[in-house]
PDB file of N, CA and C in Angstrom:
ATOM      1  N   MET A   1     170.305  69.206  83.371  1.00  0.00           N
ATOM      2  CA  MET A   1     171.338  69.555  82.413  1.00  0.00           C
ATOM      3  C   MET A   1     172.271  70.575  83.048  1.00  0.00           C
ATOM      4  N   ASN A   2     173.554  70.322  82.973  1.00  0.00           N
ATOM      5  CA  ASN A   2     174.552  71.223  83.531  1.00  0.00           C
ATOM      6  C   ASN A   2     175.108  72.110  82.420  1.00  0.00           C
ATOM      7  N   PHE A   3     174.783  73.388  82.473  1.00  0.00           N
ATOM      8  CA  PHE A   3     175.225  74.336  81.443  1.00  0.00           C
ATOM      9  C   PHE A   3     176.737  74.521  81.426  1.00  0.00           C
ATOM     10  N   GLU A   4     177.382  74.220  82.537  1.00  0.00           N
ATOM     11  CA  GLU A   4     178.843  74.339  82.575  1.00  0.00           C
ATOM     12  C   GLU A   4     179.514  73.272  81.714  1.00  0.00           C
ATOM     13  N   GLU A   5     178.778  72.224  81.360  1.00  0.00           N
ATOM     14  CA  GLU A   5     179.331  71.143  80.541  1.00  0.00           C
ATOM     15  C   GLU A   5     178.993  71.270  79.054  1.00  0.00           C
ATOM     16  N   ILE A   6     178.133  72.204  78.702  1.00  0.00           N
ATOM     17  CA  ILE A   6     177.777  72.408  77.297  1.00  0.00           C
ATOM     18  C   ILE A   6     178.852  73.261  76.645  1.00  0.00           C
ATOM     19  N   PRO A   7     179.377  72.840  75.504  1.00  0.00           N
ATOM     20  CA  PRO A   7     180.406  73.652  74.834  1.00  0.00           C
ATOM     21  C   PRO A   7     179.894  75.070  74.539  1.00  0.00           C
ATOM     22  N   GLU A   8     180.755  76.043  74.725  1.00  0.00           N
ATOM     23  CA  GLU A   8     180.367  77.439  74.516  1.00  0.00           C
ATOM     24  C   GLU A   8     179.822  77.671  73.105  1.00  0.00           C
ATOM     25  N   GLU A   9     180.428  77.037  72.103  1.00  0.00           N
ATOM     26  CA  GLU A   9     179.968  77.212  70.719  1.00  0.00           C
ATOM     27  C   GLU A   9     178.518  76.764  70.557  1.00  0.00           C
ATOM     28  N   GLU A  10     178.133  75.688  71.250  1.00  0.00           N
ATOM     29  CA  GLU A  10     176.763  75.199  71.180  1.00  0.00           C
ATOM     30  C   GLU A  10     175.807  76.186  71.845  1.00  0.00           C
ATOM     31  N   LEU A  11     176.189  76.725  72.990  1.00  0.00           N
ATOM     32  CA  LEU A  11     175.349  77.713  73.665  1.00  0.00           C
ATOM     33  C   LEU A  11     175.184  78.966  72.812  1.00  0.00           C
ATOM     34  N   ILE A  12     176.248  79.399  72.166  1.00  0.00           N
ATOM     35  CA  ILE A  12     176.180  80.583  71.300  1.00  0.00           C
ATOM     36  C   ILE A  12     175.227  80.330  70.139  1.00  0.00           C
ATOM     37  N   LYS A  13     175.303  79.160  69.541  1.00  0.00           N
ATOM     38  CA  LYS A  13     174.416  78.821  68.423  1.00  0.00           C
ATOM     39  C   LYS A  13     172.957  78.826  68.870  1.00  0.00           C
ATOM     40  N   ILE A  14     172.677  78.231  70.009  1.00  0.00           N
ATOM     41  CA  ILE A  14     171.314  78.185  70.554  1.00  0.00           C
ATOM     42  C   ILE A  14     170.821  79.608  70.844  1.00  0.00           C
ATOM     43  N   ALA A  15     171.650  80.379  71.529  1.00  0.00           N
ATOM     44  CA  ALA A  15     171.264  81.736  71.918  1.00  0.00           C
ATOM     45  C   ALA A  15     171.061  82.639  70.702  1.00  0.00           C
ATOM     46  N   ASN A  16     171.967  82.557  69.730  1.00  0.00           N
ATOM     47  CA  ASN A  16     171.820  83.389  68.530  1.00  0.00           C
ATOM     48  C   ASN A  16     170.536  83.063  67.782  1.00  0.00           C
ATOM     49  N   SER A  17     170.218  81.801  67.680  1.00  0.00           N
ATOM     50  CA  SER A  17     168.993  81.402  66.988  1.00  0.00           C
ATOM     51  C   SER A  17     167.758  81.955  67.701  1.00  0.00           C
ATOM     52  N   MET A  18     167.723  81.808  69.017  1.00  0.00           N
ATOM     53  CA  MET A  18     166.573  82.315  69.772  1.00  0.00           C
ATOM     54  C   MET A  18     166.516  83.842  69.732  1.00  0.00           C
ATOM     55  N   MET A  19     167.664  84.508  69.851  1.00  0.00           N
ATOM     56  CA  MET A  19     167.670  85.976  69.834  1.00  0.00           C
ATOM     57  C   MET A  19     167.301  86.501  68.448  1.00  0.00           C
ATOM     58  N   ASP A  20     167.771  85.830  67.395  1.00  0.00           N
ATOM     59  CA  ASP A  20     167.374  86.231  66.034  1.00  0.00           C
ATOM     60  C   ASP A  20     165.861  86.166  65.882  1.00  0.00           C
ATOM     61  N   ASP A  21     165.258  85.064  66.316  1.00  0.00           N
ATOM     62  CA  ASP A  21     163.807  84.905  66.232  1.00  0.00           C
ATOM     63  C   ASP A  21     163.089  85.955  67.067  1.00  0.00           C
ATOM     64  N   LEU A  22     163.567  86.173  68.273  1.00  0.00           N
ATOM     65  CA  LEU A  22     162.957  87.129  69.181  1.00  0.00           C
ATOM     66  C   LEU A  22     163.008  88.542  68.594  1.00  0.00           C
ATOM     67  N   MET A  23     164.149  88.934  68.061  1.00  0.00           N
ATOM     68  CA  MET A  23     164.290  90.284  67.509  1.00  0.00           C
ATOM     69  C   MET A  23     163.505  90.456  66.216  1.00  0.00           C
ATOM     70  N   ASP A  24     163.469  89.432  65.389  1.00  0.00           N
ATOM     71  CA  ASP A  24     162.665  89.504  64.171  1.00  0.00           C
ATOM     72  C   ASP A  24     161.184  89.631  64.526  1.00  0.00           C
ATOM     73  N   ALA A  25     160.743  88.890  65.508  1.00  0.00           N
ATOM     74  CA  ALA A  25     159.348  88.974  65.940  1.00  0.00           C
ATOM     75  C   ALA A  25     159.057  90.324  66.588  1.00  0.00           C
ATOM     76  N   SER A  26     160.039  90.907  67.249  1.00  0.00           N
ATOM     77  CA  SER A  26     159.866  92.242  67.820  1.00  0.00           C
ATOM     78  C   SER A  26     159.699  93.280  66.715  1.00  0.00           C
ATOM     79  N   THR A  27     160.488  93.148  65.678  1.00  0.00           N
ATOM     80  CA  THR A  27     160.408  94.084  64.557  1.00  0.00           C
ATOM     81  C   THR A  27     159.021  94.060  63.926  1.00  0.00           C
ATOM     82  N   SER A  28     158.469  92.882  63.755  1.00  0.00           N
ATOM     83  CA  SER A  28     157.141  92.760  63.145  1.00  0.00           C
ATOM     84  C   SER A  28     156.016  92.802  64.188  1.00  0.00           C
ATOM     85  N   ILE A  29     156.386  92.961  65.448  1.00  0.00           N
ATOM     86  CA  ILE A  29     155.465  92.967  66.585  1.00  0.00           C
ATOM     87  C   ILE A  29     154.508  91.765  66.494  1.00  0.00           C
ATOM     88  N   ASP A  30     155.120  90.600  66.427  1.00  0.00           N
ATOM     89  CA  ASP A  30     154.411  89.324  66.344  1.00  0.00           C
ATOM     90  C   ASP A  30     154.520  88.632  67.701  1.00  0.00           C
ATOM     91  N   TYR A  31     153.514  88.784  68.523  1.00  0.00           N
ATOM     92  CA  TYR A  31     153.561  88.290  69.896  1.00  0.00           C
ATOM     93  C   TYR A  31     153.799  86.784  69.984  1.00  0.00           C
ATOM     94  N   GLU A  32     153.056  86.009  69.222  1.00  0.00           N
ATOM     95  CA  GLU A  32     153.176  84.547  69.308  1.00  0.00           C
ATOM     96  C   GLU A  32     154.596  84.080  68.986  1.00  0.00           C
ATOM     97  N   ARG A  33     155.188  84.634  67.950  1.00  0.00           N
ATOM     98  CA  ARG A  33     156.571  84.263  67.613  1.00  0.00           C
ATOM     99  C   ARG A  33     157.546  84.798  68.651  1.00  0.00           C
ATOM    100  N   HIS A  34     157.261  85.987  69.172  1.00  0.00           N
ATOM    101  CA  HIS A  34     158.164  86.609  70.141  1.00  0.00           C
ATOM    102  C   HIS A  34     158.318  85.755  71.392  1.00  0.00           C
ATOM    103  N   VAL A  35     157.237  85.157  71.845  1.00  0.00           N
ATOM    104  CA  VAL A  35     157.272  84.408  73.113  1.00  0.00           C
ATOM    105  C   VAL A  35     157.388  82.899  72.913  1.00  0.00           C
ATOM    106  N   GLN A  36     157.581  82.438  71.702  1.00  0.00           N
ATOM    107  CA  GLN A  36     157.579  80.994  71.430  1.00  0.00           C
ATOM    108  C   GLN A  36     158.630  80.223  72.224  1.00  0.00           C
ATOM    109  N   ASP A  37     159.733  80.846  72.568  1.00  0.00           N
ATOM    110  CA  ASP A  37     160.798  80.170  73.318  1.00  0.00           C
ATOM    111  C   ASP A  37     160.894  80.672  74.760  1.00  0.00           C
ATOM    112  N   PHE A  38     159.861  81.333  75.245  1.00  0.00           N
ATOM    113  CA  PHE A  38     159.870  81.867  76.606  1.00  0.00           C
ATOM    114  C   PHE A  38     159.400  80.806  77.606  1.00  0.00           C
ATOM    115  N   THR A  39     159.916  80.890  78.821  1.00  0.00           N
ATOM    116  CA  THR A  39     159.384  80.079  79.916  1.00  0.00           C
ATOM    117  C   THR A  39     157.988  80.604  80.272  1.00  0.00           C
ATOM    118  N   ASP A  40     157.226  79.790  80.956  1.00  0.00           N
ATOM    119  CA  ASP A  40     155.910  80.232  81.412  1.00  0.00           C
ATOM    120  C   ASP A  40     156.029  81.465  82.303  1.00  0.00           C
ATOM    121  N   ARG A  41     157.056  81.501  83.136  1.00  0.00           N
ATOM    122  CA  ARG A  41     157.278  82.652  84.016  1.00  0.00           C
ATOM    123  C   ARG A  41     157.418  83.932  83.204  1.00  0.00           C
ATOM    124  N   LEU A  42     158.221  83.887  82.140  1.00  0.00           N
ATOM    125  CA  LEU A  42     158.461  85.082  81.327  1.00  0.00           C
ATOM    126  C   LEU A  42     157.229  85.447  80.495  1.00  0.00           C
ATOM    127  N   LYS A  43     156.485  84.449  80.043  1.00  0.00           N
ATOM    128  CA  LYS A  43     155.250  84.730  79.287  1.00  0.00           C
ATOM    129  C   LYS A  43     154.239  85.495  80.143  1.00  0.00           C
ATOM    130  N   LYS A  44     154.235  85.248  81.456  1.00  0.00           N
ATOM    131  CA  LYS A  44     153.317  85.970  82.334  1.00  0.00           C
ATOM    132  C   LYS A  44     153.710  87.445  82.447  1.00  0.00           C
ATOM    133  N   ILE A  45     154.979  87.730  82.311  1.00  0.00           N
ATOM    134  CA  ILE A  45     155.473  89.109  82.407  1.00  0.00           C
ATOM    135  C   ILE A  45     155.289  89.844  81.080  1.00  0.00           C
ATOM    136  N   VAL A  46     155.633  89.189  79.991  1.00  0.00           N
ATOM    137  CA  VAL A  46     155.575  89.821  78.668  1.00  0.00           C
ATOM    138  C   VAL A  46     154.216  89.502  78.036  1.00  0.00           C
ATOM    139  N   THR A  47     153.268  90.356  78.328  1.00  0.00           N
ATOM    140  CA  THR A  47     151.938  90.205  77.742  1.00  0.00           C
ATOM    141  C   THR A  47     151.940  90.801  76.333  1.00  0.00           C
ATOM    142  N   LYS A  48     150.900  90.541  75.597  1.00  0.00           N
ATOM    143  CA  LYS A  48     150.782  91.089  74.244  1.00  0.00           C
ATOM    144  C   LYS A  48     150.785  92.628  74.288  1.00  0.00           C
ATOM    145  N   GLU A  49     150.085  93.198  75.230  1.00  0.00           N
ATOM    146  CA  GLU A  49     150.029  94.652  75.365  1.00  0.00           C
ATOM    147  C   GLU A  49     151.398  95.225  75.719  1.00  0.00           C
ATOM    148  N   HIS A  50     152.096  94.542  76.631  1.00  0.00           N
ATOM    149  CA  HIS A  50     153.437  94.991  77.027  1.00  0.00           C
ATOM    150  C   HIS A  50     154.375  94.977  75.824  1.00  0.00           C
ATOM    151  N   LEU A  51     154.358  93.890  75.051  1.00  0.00           N
ATOM    152  CA  LEU A  51     155.214  93.796  73.864  1.00  0.00           C
ATOM    153  C   LEU A  51     154.886  94.907  72.881  1.00  0.00           C
ATOM    154  N   ASN A  52     153.616  95.137  72.620  1.00  0.00           N
ATOM    155  CA  ASN A  52     153.227  96.208  71.691  1.00  0.00           C
ATOM    156  C   ASN A  52     153.766  97.553  72.144  1.00  0.00           C
ATOM    157  N   ASP A  53     153.590  97.872  73.424  1.00  0.00           N
ATOM    158  CA  ASP A  53     154.054  99.155  73.959  1.00  0.00           C
ATOM    159  C   ASP A  53     155.566  99.304  73.828  1.00  0.00           C
ATOM    160  N   VAL A  54     156.299  98.279  74.235  1.00  0.00           N
ATOM    161  CA  VAL A  54     157.763  98.338  74.208  1.00  0.00           C
ATOM    162  C   VAL A  54     158.274  98.435  72.771  1.00  0.00           C
ATOM    163  N   CYS A  55     157.741  97.620  71.882  1.00  0.00           N
ATOM    164  CA  CYS A  55     158.217  97.622  70.492  1.00  0.00           C
ATOM    165  C   CYS A  55     157.914  98.940  69.797  1.00  0.00           C
ATOM    166  N   GLU A  56     156.719  99.462  70.002  1.00  0.00           N
ATOM    167  CA  GLU A  56     156.376 100.738  69.384  1.00  0.00           C
ATOM    168  C   GLU A  56     157.280 101.854  69.888  1.00  0.00           C
ATOM    169  N   LYS A  57     157.567 101.864  71.180  1.00  0.00           N
ATOM    170  CA  LYS A  57     158.457 102.881  71.757  1.00  0.00           C
ATOM    171  C   LYS A  57     159.871 102.753  71.179  1.00  0.00           C
ATOM    172  N   TYR A  58     160.422 101.544  71.189  1.00  0.00           N
ATOM    173  CA  TYR A  58     161.773 101.331  70.672  1.00  0.00           C
ATOM    174  C   TYR A  58     161.866 101.695  69.196  1.00  0.00           C
ATOM    175  N   GLN A  59     160.879 101.278  68.402  1.00  0.00           N
ATOM    176  CA  GLN A  59     160.926 101.543  66.966  1.00  0.00           C
ATOM    177  C   GLN A  59     160.831 103.034  66.675  1.00  0.00           C
ATOM    178  N   LYS A  60     160.035 103.753  67.443  1.00  0.00           N
ATOM    179  CA  LYS A  60     159.908 105.197  67.254  1.00  0.00           C
ATOM    180  C   LYS A  60     161.195 105.918  67.649  1.00  0.00           C
ATOM    181  N   GLU A  61     161.766 105.530  68.788  1.00  0.00           N
ATOM    182  CA  GLU A  61     162.940 106.219  69.318  1.00  0.00           C
ATOM    183  C   GLU A  61     164.265 105.728  68.735  1.00  0.00           C
ATOM    184  N   LYS A  62     164.392 104.412  68.555  1.00  0.00           N
ATOM    185  CA  LYS A  62     165.693 103.838  68.197  1.00  0.00           C
ATOM    186  C   LYS A  62     165.709 103.166  66.828  1.00  0.00           C
ATOM    187  N   GLY A  63     164.546 102.892  66.281  1.00  0.00           N
ATOM    188  CA  GLY A  63     164.482 102.172  65.013  1.00  0.00           C
ATOM    189  C   GLY A  63     164.399 100.681  65.268  1.00  0.00           C
ATOM    190  N   TYR A  64     164.999  99.930  64.375  1.00  0.00           N
ATOM    191  CA  TYR A  64     164.956  98.472  64.462  1.00  0.00           C
ATOM    192  C   TYR A  64     166.304  97.940  64.941  1.00  0.00           C
ATOM    193  N   PHE A  65     166.300  96.694  65.363  1.00  0.00           N
ATOM    194  CA  PHE A  65     167.550  96.056  65.770  1.00  0.00           C
ATOM    195  C   PHE A  65     168.459  95.923  64.556  1.00  0.00           C
ATOM    196  N   ALA A  66     169.703  96.245  64.753  1.00  0.00           N
ATOM    197  CA  ALA A  66     170.694  96.129  63.681  1.00  0.00           C
ATOM    198  C   ALA A  66     171.713  95.059  64.100  1.00  0.00           C
ATOM    199  N   GLU A  67     172.975  95.262  63.764  1.00  0.00           N
ATOM    200  CA  GLU A  67     173.970  94.223  64.040  1.00  0.00           C
ATOM    201  C   GLU A  67     174.156  94.006  65.539  1.00  0.00           C
ATOM    202  N   ARG A  68     174.560  92.782  65.829  1.00  0.00           N
ATOM    203  CA  ARG A  68     174.759  92.332  67.204  1.00  0.00           C
ATOM    204  C   ARG A  68     176.088  91.590  67.251  1.00  0.00           C
ATOM    205  N   GLU A  69     176.872  91.858  68.285  1.00  0.00           N
ATOM    206  CA  GLU A  69     178.191  91.228  68.428  1.00  0.00           C
ATOM    207  C   GLU A  69     178.304  90.583  69.811  1.00  0.00           C
ATOM    208  N   LEU A  70     178.696  89.329  69.831  1.00  0.00           N
ATOM    209  CA  LEU A  70     178.834  88.603  71.087  1.00  0.00           C
ATOM    210  C   LEU A  70     179.899  89.243  71.973  1.00  0.00           C
ATOM    211  N   ILE A  71     179.561  89.414  73.236  1.00  0.00           N
ATOM    212  CA  ILE A  71     180.521  89.889  74.235  1.00  0.00           C
ATOM    213  C   ILE A  71     180.984  88.734  75.105  1.00  0.00           C
ATOM    214  N   SER A  72     180.018  87.970  75.646  1.00  0.00           N
ATOM    215  CA  SER A  72     180.400  86.932  76.597  1.00  0.00           C
ATOM    216  C   SER A  72     179.273  85.926  76.808  1.00  0.00           C
ATOM    217  N   VAL A  73     179.678  84.740  77.257  1.00  0.00           N
ATOM    218  CA  VAL A  73     178.746  83.713  77.710  1.00  0.00           C
ATOM    219  C   VAL A  73     179.138  83.386  79.149  1.00  0.00           C
ATOM    220  N   LEU A  74     178.183  83.528  80.048  1.00  0.00           N
ATOM    221  CA  LEU A  74     178.406  83.219  81.456  1.00  0.00           C
ATOM    222  C   LEU A  74     177.597  81.975  81.786  1.00  0.00           C
ATOM    223  N   ARG A  75     178.252  80.969  82.329  1.00  0.00           N
ATOM    224  CA  ARG A  75     177.570  79.695  82.586  1.00  0.00           C
ATOM    225  C   ARG A  75     177.459  79.413  84.073  1.00  0.00           C
ATOM    226  N   ARG A  76     176.318  78.868  84.412  1.00  0.00           N
ATOM    227  CA  ARG A  76     176.033  78.378  85.757  1.00  0.00           C
ATOM    228  C   ARG A  76     175.595  76.934  85.594  1.00  0.00           C
ATOM    229  N   PRO A  77     175.482  76.180  86.661  1.00  0.00           N
ATOM    230  CA  PRO A  77     175.023  74.800  86.496  1.00  0.00           C
ATOM    231  C   PRO A  77     173.637  74.693  85.847  1.00  0.00           C
ATOM    232  N   THR A  78     172.721  75.621  86.171  1.00  0.00           N
ATOM    233  CA  THR A  78     171.342  75.483  85.690  1.00  0.00           C
ATOM    234  C   THR A  78     170.928  76.491  84.618  1.00  0.00           C
ATOM    235  N   SER A  79     171.855  77.327  84.167  1.00  0.00           N
ATOM    236  CA  SER A  79     171.496  78.332  83.167  1.00  0.00           C
ATOM    237  C   SER A  79     172.745  78.935  82.533  1.00  0.00           C
ATOM    238  N   ALA A  80     172.508  79.723  81.495  1.00  0.00           N
ATOM    239  CA  ALA A  80     173.593  80.475  80.858  1.00  0.00           C
ATOM    240  C   ALA A  80     173.073  81.866  80.528  1.00  0.00           C
ATOM    241  N   ILE A  81     173.942  82.836  80.643  1.00  0.00           N
ATOM    242  CA  ILE A  81     173.623  84.204  80.261  1.00  0.00           C
ATOM    243  C   ILE A  81     174.492  84.538  79.059  1.00  0.00           C
ATOM    244  N   VAL A  82     173.862  85.010  78.011  1.00  0.00           N
ATOM    245  CA  VAL A  82     174.597  85.409  76.810  1.00  0.00           C
ATOM    246  C   VAL A  82     174.422  86.915  76.656  1.00  0.00           C
ATOM    247  N   ILE A  83     175.533  87.600  76.426  1.00  0.00           N
ATOM    248  CA  ILE A  83     175.553  89.060  76.368  1.00  0.00           C
ATOM    249  C   ILE A  83     176.135  89.501  75.024  1.00  0.00           C
ATOM    250  N   TRP A  84     175.441  90.452  74.387  1.00  0.00           N
ATOM    251  CA  TRP A  84     175.887  90.983  73.101  1.00  0.00           C
ATOM    252  C   TRP A  84     175.967  92.504  73.152  1.00  0.00           C
ATOM    253  N   ARG A  85     176.767  93.070  72.273  1.00  0.00           N
ATOM    254  CA  ARG A  85     176.764  94.496  71.956  1.00  0.00           C
ATOM    255  C   ARG A  85     175.734  94.645  70.839  1.00  0.00           C
ATOM    256  N   GLN A  86     174.744  95.507  71.040  1.00  0.00           N
ATOM    257  CA  GLN A  86     173.627  95.651  70.104  1.00  0.00           C
ATOM    258  C   GLN A  86     173.586  97.067  69.533  1.00  0.00           C
ATOM    259  N   ARG A  87     173.234  97.168  68.274  1.00  0.00           N
ATOM    260  CA  ARG A  87     173.035  98.478  67.631  1.00  0.00           C
ATOM    261  C   ARG A  87     171.608  98.568  67.099  1.00  0.00           C
ATOM    262  N   PHE A  88     171.180  99.801  66.855  1.00  0.00           N
ATOM    263  CA  PHE A  88     169.864 100.084  66.287  1.00  0.00           C
ATOM    264  C   PHE A  88     170.029 100.856  64.983  1.00  0.00           C
ATOM    265  N   THR A  89     168.948 100.951  64.217  1.00  0.00           N
ATOM    266  CA  THR A  89     169.020 101.598  62.902  1.00  0.00           C
ATOM    267  C   THR A  89     168.892 103.115  62.947  1.00  0.00           C
ATOM    268  N   LYS A  90     168.238 103.690  63.962  1.00  0.00           N
ATOM    269  CA  LYS A  90     167.998 105.135  63.996  1.00  0.00           C
ATOM    270  C   LYS A  90     168.952 105.915  64.886  1.00  0.00           C
ATOM    271  N   VAL A  91     169.604 105.259  65.796  1.00  0.00           N
ATOM    272  CA  VAL A  91     170.468 105.963  66.746  1.00  0.00           C
ATOM    273  C   VAL A  91     171.864 105.357  66.715  1.00  0.00           C
ATOM    274  N   SER A  92     172.828 106.189  67.041  1.00  0.00           N
ATOM    275  CA  SER A  92     174.195 105.678  67.119  1.00  0.00           C
ATOM    276  C   SER A  92     174.447 105.165  68.528  1.00  0.00           C
ATOM    277  N   GLY A  93     175.575 104.538  68.703  1.00  0.00           N
ATOM    278  CA  GLY A  93     175.946 104.051  70.021  1.00  0.00           C
ATOM    279  C   GLY A  93     175.715 102.564  70.186  1.00  0.00           C
ATOM    280  N   GLU A  94     176.229 102.074  71.287  1.00  0.00           N
ATOM    281  CA  GLU A  94     176.156 100.648  71.588  1.00  0.00           C
ATOM    282  C   GLU A  94     175.205 100.419  72.751  1.00  0.00           C
ATOM    283  N   TYR A  95     174.431  99.378  72.623  1.00  0.00           N
ATOM    284  CA  TYR A  95     173.487  98.975  73.653  1.00  0.00           C
ATOM    285  C   TYR A  95     173.862  97.563  74.091  1.00  0.00           C
ATOM    286  N   LEU A  96     173.285  97.135  75.195  1.00  0.00           N
ATOM    287  CA  LEU A  96     173.570  95.816  75.729  1.00  0.00           C
ATOM    288  C   LEU A  96     172.341  94.932  75.561  1.00  0.00           C
ATOM    289  N   ALA A  97     172.524  93.779  74.927  1.00  0.00           N
ATOM    290  CA  ALA A  97     171.457  92.783  74.805  1.00  0.00           C
ATOM    291  C   ALA A  97     171.850  91.594  75.670  1.00  0.00           C
ATOM    292  N   GLU A  98     170.873  91.064  76.398  1.00  0.00           N
ATOM    293  CA  GLU A  98     171.145  89.966  77.326  1.00  0.00           C
ATOM    294  C   GLU A  98     170.027  88.931  77.239  1.00  0.00           C
ATOM    295  N   MET A  99     170.406  87.672  77.379  1.00  0.00           N
ATOM    296  CA  MET A  99     169.433  86.580  77.383  1.00  0.00           C
ATOM    297  C   MET A  99     169.871  85.535  78.411  1.00  0.00           C
ATOM    298  N   LEU A 100     168.929  85.115  79.246  1.00  0.00           N
ATOM    299  CA  LEU A 100     169.159  84.039  80.203  1.00  0.00           C
ATOM    300  C   LEU A 100     168.459  82.796  79.671  1.00  0.00           C
ATOM    301  N   ILE A 101     169.223  81.746  79.468  1.00  0.00           N
ATOM    302  CA  ILE A 101     168.702  80.502  78.899  1.00  0.00           C
ATOM    303  C   ILE A 101     168.654  79.428  79.983  1.00  0.00           C
ATOM    304  N   VAL A 102     167.548  78.700  80.013  1.00  0.00           N
ATOM    305  CA  VAL A 102     167.390  77.555  80.912  1.00  0.00           C
ATOM    306  C   VAL A 102     166.991  76.348  80.069  1.00  0.00           C
ATOM    307  N   HIS A 103     167.015  75.179  80.686  1.00  0.00           N
ATOM    308  CA  HIS A 103     166.573  73.961  79.998  1.00  0.00           C
ATOM    309  C   HIS A 103     165.429  73.371  80.809  1.00  0.00           C
ATOM    310  N   LYS A 104     164.266  73.238  80.146  1.00  0.00           N
ATOM    311  CA  LYS A 104     163.079  72.746  80.845  1.00  0.00           C
ATOM    312  C   LYS A 104     162.252  71.907  79.894  1.00  0.00           C
ATOM    313  N   ASP A 105     161.799  70.762  80.373  1.00  0.00           N
ATOM    314  CA  ASP A 105     160.944  69.872  79.581  1.00  0.00           C
ATOM    315  C   ASP A 105     161.566  69.532  78.225  1.00  0.00           C
ATOM    316  N   GLY A 106     162.890  69.316  78.224  1.00  0.00           N
ATOM    317  CA  GLY A 106     163.581  68.908  77.010  1.00  0.00           C
ATOM    318  C   GLY A 106     163.871  70.020  76.018  1.00  0.00           C
ATOM    319  N   ARG A 107     163.640  71.259  76.406  1.00  0.00           N
ATOM    320  CA  ARG A 107     163.859  72.397  75.504  1.00  0.00           C
ATOM    321  C   ARG A 107     164.716  73.467  76.164  1.00  0.00           C
ATOM    322  N   PHE A 108     165.474  74.180  75.342  1.00  0.00           N
ATOM    323  CA  PHE A 108     166.138  75.389  75.804  1.00  0.00           C
ATOM    324  C   PHE A 108     165.110  76.508  75.699  1.00  0.00           C
ATOM    325  N   LEU A 109     164.998  77.309  76.770  1.00  0.00           N
ATOM    326  CA  LEU A 109     164.011  78.373  76.808  1.00  0.00           C
ATOM    327  C   LEU A 109     164.640  79.675  77.339  1.00  0.00           C
ATOM    328  N   VAL A 110     164.046  80.778  76.974  1.00  0.00           N
ATOM    329  CA  VAL A 110     164.468  82.101  77.443  1.00  0.00           C
ATOM    330  C   VAL A 110     163.704  82.392  78.722  1.00  0.00           C
ATOM    331  N   ASP A 111     164.446  82.687  79.796  1.00  0.00           N
ATOM    332  CA  ASP A 111     163.809  83.033  81.069  1.00  0.00           C
ATOM    333  C   ASP A 111     163.965  84.518  81.394  1.00  0.00           C
ATOM    334  N   HIS A 112     164.794  85.207  80.625  1.00  0.00           N
ATOM    335  CA  HIS A 112     164.948  86.655  80.776  1.00  0.00           C
ATOM    336  C   HIS A 112     165.632  87.172  79.521  1.00  0.00           C
ATOM    337  N   ALA A 113     165.199  88.331  79.055  1.00  0.00           N
ATOM    338  CA  ALA A 113     165.870  88.965  77.918  1.00  0.00           C
ATOM    339  C   ALA A 113     165.557  90.456  77.942  1.00  0.00           C
ATOM    340  N   TRP A 114     166.538  91.251  77.602  1.00  0.00           N
ATOM    341  CA  TRP A 114     166.318  92.676  77.455  1.00  0.00           C
ATOM    342  C   TRP A 114     167.422  93.313  76.652  1.00  0.00           C
ATOM    343  N   VAL A 115     167.125  94.516  76.204  1.00  0.00           N
ATOM    344  CA  VAL A 115     168.124  95.364  75.553  1.00  0.00           C
ATOM    345  C   VAL A 115     168.067  96.704  76.243  1.00  0.00           C
ATOM    346  N   ILE A 116     169.233  97.162  76.677  1.00  0.00           N
ATOM    347  CA  ILE A 116     169.284  98.431  77.390  1.00  0.00           C
ATOM    348  C   ILE A 116     170.459  99.260  76.881  1.00  0.00           C
TER     349      ILE A 116
END
């Protein structure tokens, strides 16, 4: 699948759906839901313990994920990177949310994601 040929609106819809699920699962610290759209490579990195540690730290320091605004979609032949401006409930300021999407075994999957 060539990501350069997928309409940007379709990529945004796919990415928003996956990021919404990922962030909701982070809020409830639900590991199975959090990694449901992850590649096997990313699942090996994001263990249940790692997710618990990261979510507890973020929730204590920054609160929960709040509104998110699309900044850009960057496309490559084999993947797309979607970038958002992210806010939290306890702290002011803008953060960067990023997701790398790939297509494998007939599914769109997250191969990298973070908020910084």
